[in-house]
């Protein structure tokens, strides 16, 4: 019952938003009484925190398995990108609630979730740093900014990817990995990025 009730909440939060979904909406959609809701959850925020914790804990568990493998840093980064994209289909609704409704958590819960999000971010950043040090990635990369760029692109995929669309999640993951590791320019041509504000940048 609790799991089914939670899934109803996820569907409503995704469709209507956390603030616009009332306890009455939840129990009506699930066909139970308010007493049943409060038997399993103390508040809407506890439901929201449960959604956030399950989603981020799942990512951390998968990430730790990848990090424990004897992969090269390139292989680890590929696996981490693949992990994020391949979670869209099974975890898409939870992820959209996670990213969109984070602001509705209380300060204490928000700190806890952000701490876990940082674990995901810093693990990827460490892979990139080690890859730079080992020569797998080119020197001069800003590992923190590159990490944020990768996470931003992967996380935004939850907003536009359609399982019934022209590309599968695995195909999207492959495209992202190719783009992020190989770039867009023709390898036979050399392209230099001029610093912003320089004469050549204009």
C-alpha atoms as a PDB file:
ATOM      1  CA  UNK A   1       0.000   0.000   0.000  1.00  0.00           C
ATOM      2  CA  UNK A   2       2.733   2.483   0.953  1.00  0.00           C
ATOM      3  CA  UNK A   3       4.628   1.936  -2.293  1.00  0.00           C
ATOM      4  CA  UNK A   4       1.490   2.326  -4.401  1.00  0.00           C
ATOM      5  CA  UNK A   5       0.560   5.469  -2.497  1.00  0.00           C
ATOM      6  CA  UNK A   6       4.039   6.847  -3.102  1.00  0.00           C
ATOM      7  CA  UNK A   7       3.721   6.190  -6.839  1.00  0.00           C
ATOM      8  CA  UNK A   8       0.418   8.068  -6.880  1.00  0.00           C
ATOM      9  CA  UNK A   9       2.135  11.019  -5.211  1.00  0.00           C
ATOM     10  CA  UNK A  10       4.951  10.953  -7.772  1.00  0.00           C
ATOM     11  CA  UNK A  11       2.448  11.030 -10.630  1.00  0.00           C
ATOM     12  CA  UNK A  12       0.523  13.931  -9.108  1.00  0.00           C
ATOM     13  CA  UNK A  13       3.631  15.928  -8.183  1.00  0.00           C
ATOM     14  CA  UNK A  14       4.929  15.517 -11.722  1.00  0.00           C
ATOM     15  CA  UNK A  15       1.614  16.501 -13.304  1.00  0.00           C
ATOM     16  CA  UNK A  16       0.397  19.274 -10.995  1.00  0.00           C
ATOM     17  CA  UNK A  17       3.456  20.250  -8.992  1.00  0.00           C
ATOM     18  CA  UNK A  18       4.101  19.781  -5.294  1.00  0.00           C
ATOM     19  CA  UNK A  19       2.455  23.015  -4.140  1.00  0.00           C
ATOM     20  CA  UNK A  20      -0.659  22.498  -6.246  1.00  0.00           C
ATOM     21  CA  UNK A  21      -1.205  18.936  -5.040  1.00  0.00           C
ATOM     22  CA  UNK A  22      -3.188  18.641  -1.820  1.00  0.00           C
ATOM     23  CA  UNK A  23      -3.566  15.710   0.539  1.00  0.00           C
ATOM     24  CA  UNK A  24      -7.176  15.565  -0.643  1.00  0.00           C
ATOM     25  CA  UNK A  25      -5.956  15.210  -4.244  1.00  0.00           C
ATOM     26  CA  UNK A  26      -3.688  12.338  -3.246  1.00  0.00           C
ATOM     27  CA  UNK A  27      -6.239  10.324  -1.289  1.00  0.00           C
ATOM     28  CA  UNK A  28      -8.913  10.922  -3.933  1.00  0.00           C
ATOM     29  CA  UNK A  29      -6.613   9.738  -6.728  1.00  0.00           C
ATOM     30  CA  UNK A  30      -5.574   6.686  -4.738  1.00  0.00           C
ATOM     31  CA  UNK A  31      -9.043   5.893  -3.406  1.00  0.00           C
ATOM     32  CA  UNK A  32      -8.133   5.938   0.288  1.00  0.00           C
ATOM     33  CA  UNK A  33      -8.859   8.101   3.314  1.00  0.00           C
ATOM     34  CA  UNK A  34      -6.680  10.802   4.821  1.00  0.00           C
ATOM     35  CA  UNK A  35      -6.194   8.467   7.762  1.00  0.00           C
ATOM     36  CA  UNK A  36      -4.538   5.971   5.437  1.00  0.00           C
ATOM     37  CA  UNK A  37      -2.217   8.654   4.082  1.00  0.00           C
ATOM     38  CA  UNK A  38      -1.171   9.767   7.560  1.00  0.00           C
ATOM     39  CA  UNK A  39      -0.639   6.166   8.617  1.00  0.00           C
ATOM     40  CA  UNK A  40       2.232   5.952   6.135  1.00  0.00           C
ATOM     41  CA  UNK A  41       3.419   9.570   5.912  1.00  0.00           C
ATOM     42  CA  UNK A  42       3.423  12.432   8.378  1.00  0.00           C
ATOM     43  CA  UNK A  43       3.195  15.134   5.691  1.00  0.00           C
ATOM     44  CA  UNK A  44       3.524  15.929   2.008  1.00  0.00           C
ATOM     45  CA  UNK A  45       7.104  16.966   2.641  1.00  0.00           C
ATOM     46  CA  UNK A  46       7.937  13.546   4.026  1.00  0.00           C
ATOM     47  CA  UNK A  47       6.635  12.099   0.763  1.00  0.00           C
ATOM     48  CA  UNK A  48       8.764  14.560  -1.205  1.00  0.00           C
ATOM     49  CA  UNK A  49      11.833  13.742   0.875  1.00  0.00           C
ATOM     50  CA  UNK A  50      11.230  10.028   0.330  1.00  0.00           C
ATOM     51  CA  UNK A  51      11.141  10.616  -3.434  1.00  0.00           C
ATOM     52  CA  UNK A  52      14.345  12.653  -3.306  1.00  0.00           C
ATOM     53  CA  UNK A  53      16.173  10.182  -1.070  1.00  0.00           C
ATOM     54  CA  UNK A  54      15.233   7.153  -3.136  1.00  0.00           C
ATOM     55  CA  UNK A  55      16.309   8.788  -6.365  1.00  0.00           C
ATOM     56  CA  UNK A  56      19.665  10.122  -5.203  1.00  0.00           C
ATOM     57  CA  UNK A  57      20.459   7.035  -3.094  1.00  0.00           C
ATOM     58  CA  UNK A  58      19.863   4.891  -6.167  1.00  0.00           C
ATOM     59  CA  UNK A  59      22.306   6.975  -8.200  1.00  0.00           C
ATOM     60  CA  UNK A  60      24.925   6.831  -5.457  1.00  0.00           C
ATOM     61  CA  UNK A  61      24.616   3.049  -5.224  1.00  0.00           C
ATOM     62  CA  UNK A  62      25.084   2.652  -8.979  1.00  0.00           C
ATOM     63  CA  UNK A  63      27.911   5.170  -8.998  1.00  0.00           C
ATOM     64  CA  UNK A  64      29.798   3.394  -6.230  1.00  0.00           C
ATOM     65  CA  UNK A  65      29.668   0.137  -8.187  1.00  0.00           C
ATOM     66  CA  UNK A  66      31.169   1.898 -11.203  1.00  0.00           C
ATOM     67  CA  UNK A  67      33.877   3.565  -9.138  1.00  0.00           C
ATOM     68  CA  UNK A  68      34.836   0.222  -7.592  1.00  0.00           C
ATOM     69  CA  UNK A  69      35.565  -1.309 -10.990  1.00  0.00           C
ATOM     70  CA  UNK A  70      39.103  -1.512 -12.355  1.00  0.00           C
ATOM     71  CA  UNK A  71      38.145   0.744 -15.255  1.00  0.00           C
ATOM     72  CA  UNK A  72      40.235   3.445 -16.862  1.00  0.00           C
ATOM     73  CA  UNK A  73      39.070   6.980 -16.148  1.00  0.00           C
ATOM     74  CA  UNK A  74      37.637   7.206 -19.659  1.00  0.00           C
ATOM     75  CA  UNK A  75      35.665   4.005 -19.082  1.00  0.00           C
ATOM     76  CA  UNK A  76      34.429   5.270 -15.716  1.00  0.00           C
ATOM     77  CA  UNK A  77      33.242   8.540 -17.222  1.00  0.00           C
ATOM     78  CA  UNK A  78      31.503   6.662 -20.035  1.00  0.00           C
ATOM     79  CA  UNK A  79      29.788   4.435 -17.474  1.00  0.00           C
ATOM     80  CA  UNK A  80      28.696   7.402 -15.346  1.00  0.00           C
ATOM     81  CA  UNK A  81      27.157   9.203 -18.326  1.00  0.00           C
ATOM     82  CA  UNK A  82      25.469   5.984 -19.424  1.00  0.00           C
ATOM     83  CA  UNK A  83      24.125   5.491 -15.897  1.00  0.00           C
ATOM     84  CA  UNK A  84      22.502   8.927 -15.818  1.00  0.00           C
ATOM     85  CA  UNK A  85      20.795   8.526 -19.186  1.00  0.00           C
ATOM     86  CA  UNK A  86      19.736   4.918 -18.633  1.00  0.00           C
ATOM     87  CA  UNK A  87      17.884   5.956 -15.473  1.00  0.00           C
ATOM     88  CA  UNK A  88      15.481   8.129 -17.476  1.00  0.00           C
ATOM     89  CA  UNK A  89      13.004   5.391 -18.376  1.00  0.00           C
ATOM     90  CA  UNK A  90      12.760   3.633 -14.985  1.00  0.00           C
ATOM     91  CA  UNK A  91      13.218   6.769 -12.860  1.00  0.00           C
ATOM     92  CA  UNK A  92      12.040   9.588 -15.130  1.00  0.00           C
ATOM     93  CA  UNK A  93       9.057  10.726 -13.095  1.00  0.00           C
ATOM     94  CA  UNK A  94      10.969  10.637  -9.827  1.00  0.00           C
ATOM     95  CA  UNK A  95      13.854  12.528 -11.445  1.00  0.00           C
ATOM     96  CA  UNK A  96      11.604  15.269 -12.789  1.00  0.00           C
ATOM     97  CA  UNK A  97      10.065  15.704  -9.330  1.00  0.00           C
ATOM     98  CA  UNK A  98      13.572  15.630  -7.839  1.00  0.00           C
ATOM     99  CA  UNK A  99      14.910  18.458  -9.985  1.00  0.00           C
ATOM    100  CA  UNK A 100      11.764  20.579 -10.110  1.00  0.00           C
ATOM    101  CA  UNK A 101      10.508  20.396  -6.542  1.00  0.00           C
ATOM    102  CA  UNK A 102      13.766  20.549  -4.589  1.00  0.00           C
ATOM    103  CA  UNK A 103      12.999  24.090  -3.448  1.00  0.00           C
ATOM    104  CA  UNK A 104      10.022  22.880  -1.410  1.00  0.00           C
ATOM    105  CA  UNK A 105      12.147  20.923   1.058  1.00  0.00           C
ATOM    106  CA  UNK A 106      12.818  22.380   4.490  1.00  0.00           C
ATOM    107  CA  UNK A 107      16.331  23.644   5.206  1.00  0.00           C
ATOM    108  CA  UNK A 108      17.388  20.484   7.032  1.00  0.00           C
ATOM    109  CA  UNK A 109      16.121  18.135   4.346  1.00  0.00           C
ATOM    110  CA  UNK A 110      17.550  20.363   1.627  1.00  0.00           C
ATOM    111  CA  UNK A 111      21.012  20.222   3.196  1.00  0.00           C
ATOM    112  CA  UNK A 112      20.819  16.427   3.373  1.00  0.00           C
ATOM    113  CA  UNK A 113      19.818  16.078  -0.277  1.00  0.00           C
ATOM    114  CA  UNK A 114      22.420  18.585  -1.471  1.00  0.00           C
ATOM    115  CA  UNK A 115      25.104  16.708   0.440  1.00  0.00           C
ATOM    116  CA  UNK A 116      24.174  13.545  -1.450  1.00  0.00           C
ATOM    117  CA  UNK A 117      24.030  15.408  -4.768  1.00  0.00           C
ATOM    118  CA  UNK A 118      27.530  16.672  -4.081  1.00  0.00           C
ATOM    119  CA  UNK A 119      28.713  13.075  -3.693  1.00  0.00           C
ATOM    120  CA  UNK A 120      27.528  12.331  -7.224  1.00  0.00           C
ATOM    121  CA  UNK A 121      29.115  15.493  -8.566  1.00  0.00           C
ATOM    122  CA  UNK A 122      32.467  15.170  -6.818  1.00  0.00           C
ATOM    123  CA  UNK A 123      32.870  11.511  -7.756  1.00  0.00           C
ATOM    124  CA  UNK A 124      32.577  12.434 -11.435  1.00  0.00           C
ATOM    125  CA  UNK A 125      34.843  15.437 -10.946  1.00  0.00           C
ATOM    126  CA  UNK A 126      37.483  13.195  -9.367  1.00  0.00           C
ATOM    127  CA  UNK A 127      37.363  10.839 -12.357  1.00  0.00           C
ATOM    128  CA  UNK A 128      37.978  13.782 -14.677  1.00  0.00           C
ATOM    129  CA  UNK A 129      40.816  15.124 -12.511  1.00  0.00           C
ATOM    130  CA  UNK A 130      42.492  11.723 -12.441  1.00  0.00           C
ATOM    131  CA  UNK A 131      41.992  11.409 -16.183  1.00  0.00           C
ATOM    132  CA  UNK A 132      43.747  14.731 -16.715  1.00  0.00           C
ATOM    133  CA  UNK A 133      46.615  13.694 -14.450  1.00  0.00           C
ATOM    134  CA  UNK A 134      47.002  10.357 -16.246  1.00  0.00           C
ATOM    135  CA  UNK A 135      46.898  11.920 -19.703  1.00  0.00           C
ATOM    136  CA  UNK A 136      43.607  10.264 -20.677  1.00  0.00           C
ATOM    137  CA  UNK A 137      41.980  13.690 -20.912  1.00  0.00           C
ATOM    138  CA  UNK A 138      43.765  16.719 -22.281  1.00  0.00           C
ATOM    139  CA  UNK A 139      45.595  19.079 -19.991  1.00  0.00           C
ATOM    140  CA  UNK A 140      44.049  22.422 -19.172  1.00  0.00           C
ATOM    141  CA  UNK A 141      40.493  21.229 -18.658  1.00  0.00           C
ATOM    142  CA  UNK A 142      38.639  22.749 -15.711  1.00  0.00           C
ATOM    143  CA  UNK A 143      37.368  19.563 -14.083  1.00  0.00           C
ATOM    144  CA  UNK A 144      34.722  21.283 -11.961  1.00  0.00           C
ATOM    145  CA  UNK A 145      33.176  23.179 -14.875  1.00  0.00           C
ATOM    146  CA  UNK A 146      33.342  20.163 -17.192  1.00  0.00           C
ATOM    147  CA  UNK A 147      31.577  18.097 -14.524  1.00  0.00           C
ATOM    148  CA  UNK A 148      28.791  20.641 -14.148  1.00  0.00           C
ATOM    149  CA  UNK A 149      28.393  20.777 -17.922  1.00  0.00           C
ATOM    150  CA  UNK A 150      28.072  17.003 -18.222  1.00  0.00           C
ATOM    151  CA  UNK A 151      25.634  16.746 -15.324  1.00  0.00           C
ATOM    152  CA  UNK A 152      23.585  19.644 -16.664  1.00  0.00           C
ATOM    153  CA  UNK A 153      23.251  18.063 -20.103  1.00  0.00           C
ATOM    154  CA  UNK A 154      22.419  14.623 -18.736  1.00  0.00           C
ATOM    155  CA  UNK A 155      19.968  15.883 -16.134  1.00  0.00           C
ATOM    156  CA  UNK A 156      18.111  18.077 -18.631  1.00  0.00           C
ATOM    157  CA  UNK A 157      17.520  14.977 -20.765  1.00  0.00           C
ATOM    158  CA  UNK A 158      14.825  14.009 -18.278  1.00  0.00           C
ATOM    159  CA  UNK A 159      12.775  16.952 -19.544  1.00  0.00           C
ATOM    160  CA  UNK A 160      12.808  16.146 -23.251  1.00  0.00           C
ATOM    161  CA  UNK A 161      13.556  12.456 -23.752  1.00  0.00           C
ATOM    162  CA  UNK A 162      10.567  10.392 -24.894  1.00  0.00           C
ATOM    163  CA  UNK A 163      10.863   6.590 -24.630  1.00  0.00           C
ATOM    164  CA  UNK A 164       8.643   6.243 -27.711  1.00  0.00           C
ATOM    165  CA  UNK A 165      10.719   8.764 -29.669  1.00  0.00           C
ATOM    166  CA  UNK A 166      13.114   8.161 -32.567  1.00  0.00           C
ATOM    167  CA  UNK A 167      16.107   7.379 -30.325  1.00  0.00           C
ATOM    168  CA  UNK A 168      16.362   4.848 -27.520  1.00  0.00           C
ATOM    169  CA  UNK A 169      17.883   5.803 -24.187  1.00  0.00           C
ATOM    170  CA  UNK A 170      20.953   3.733 -25.058  1.00  0.00           C
ATOM    171  CA  UNK A 171      21.360   5.579 -28.352  1.00  0.00           C
ATOM    172  CA  UNK A 172      21.076   8.931 -26.574  1.00  0.00           C
ATOM    173  CA  UNK A 173      23.681   7.805 -24.036  1.00  0.00           C
ATOM    174  CA  UNK A 174      26.025   6.806 -26.871  1.00  0.00           C
ATOM    175  CA  UNK A 175      25.560  10.189 -28.587  1.00  0.00           C
ATOM    176  CA  UNK A 176      26.266  12.029 -25.331  1.00  0.00           C
ATOM    177  CA  UNK A 177      29.360   9.955 -24.608  1.00  0.00           C
ATOM    178  CA  UNK A 178      30.697  10.589 -28.110  1.00  0.00           C
ATOM    179  CA  UNK A 179      29.998  14.323 -27.857  1.00  0.00           C
ATOM    180  CA  UNK A 180      31.477  14.737 -24.391  1.00  0.00           C
ATOM    181  CA  UNK A 181      34.587  12.657 -25.013  1.00  0.00           C
ATOM    182  CA  UNK A 182      35.255  13.397 -28.684  1.00  0.00           C
ATOM    183  CA  UNK A 183      33.673  16.809 -29.222  1.00  0.00           C
ATOM    184  CA  UNK A 184      32.102  18.173 -32.391  1.00  0.00           C
ATOM    185  CA  UNK A 185      34.948  19.418 -34.552  1.00  0.00           C
ATOM    186  CA  UNK A 186      36.471  17.484 -37.415  1.00  0.00           C
ATOM    187  CA  UNK A 187      39.570  15.823 -36.012  1.00  0.00           C
ATOM    188  CA  UNK A 188      41.551  16.783 -39.100  1.00  0.00           C
ATOM    189  CA  UNK A 189      40.965  20.456 -38.442  1.00  0.00           C
ATOM    190  CA  UNK A 190      42.417  22.432 -35.579  1.00  0.00           C
ATOM    191  CA  UNK A 191      40.201  24.892 -33.750  1.00  0.00           C
ATOM    192  CA  UNK A 192      41.367  27.205 -30.997  1.00  0.00           C
ATOM    193  CA  UNK A 193      38.939  28.763 -28.533  1.00  0.00           C
ATOM    194  CA  UNK A 194      39.864  32.387 -27.956  1.00  0.00           C
ATOM    195  CA  UNK A 195      39.386  33.733 -24.417  1.00  0.00           C
ATOM    196  CA  UNK A 196      36.318  35.912 -24.037  1.00  0.00           C
ATOM    197  CA  UNK A 197      37.187  39.571 -24.361  1.00  0.00           C
ATOM    198  CA  UNK A 198      40.194  38.994 -26.590  1.00  0.00           C
ATOM    199  CA  UNK A 199      40.404  40.634 -30.005  1.00  0.00           C
ATOM    200  CA  UNK A 200      40.139  37.314 -31.841  1.00  0.00           C
ATOM    201  CA  UNK A 201      36.962  36.458 -29.929  1.00  0.00           C
ATOM    202  CA  UNK A 202      35.115  39.314 -31.577  1.00  0.00           C
END
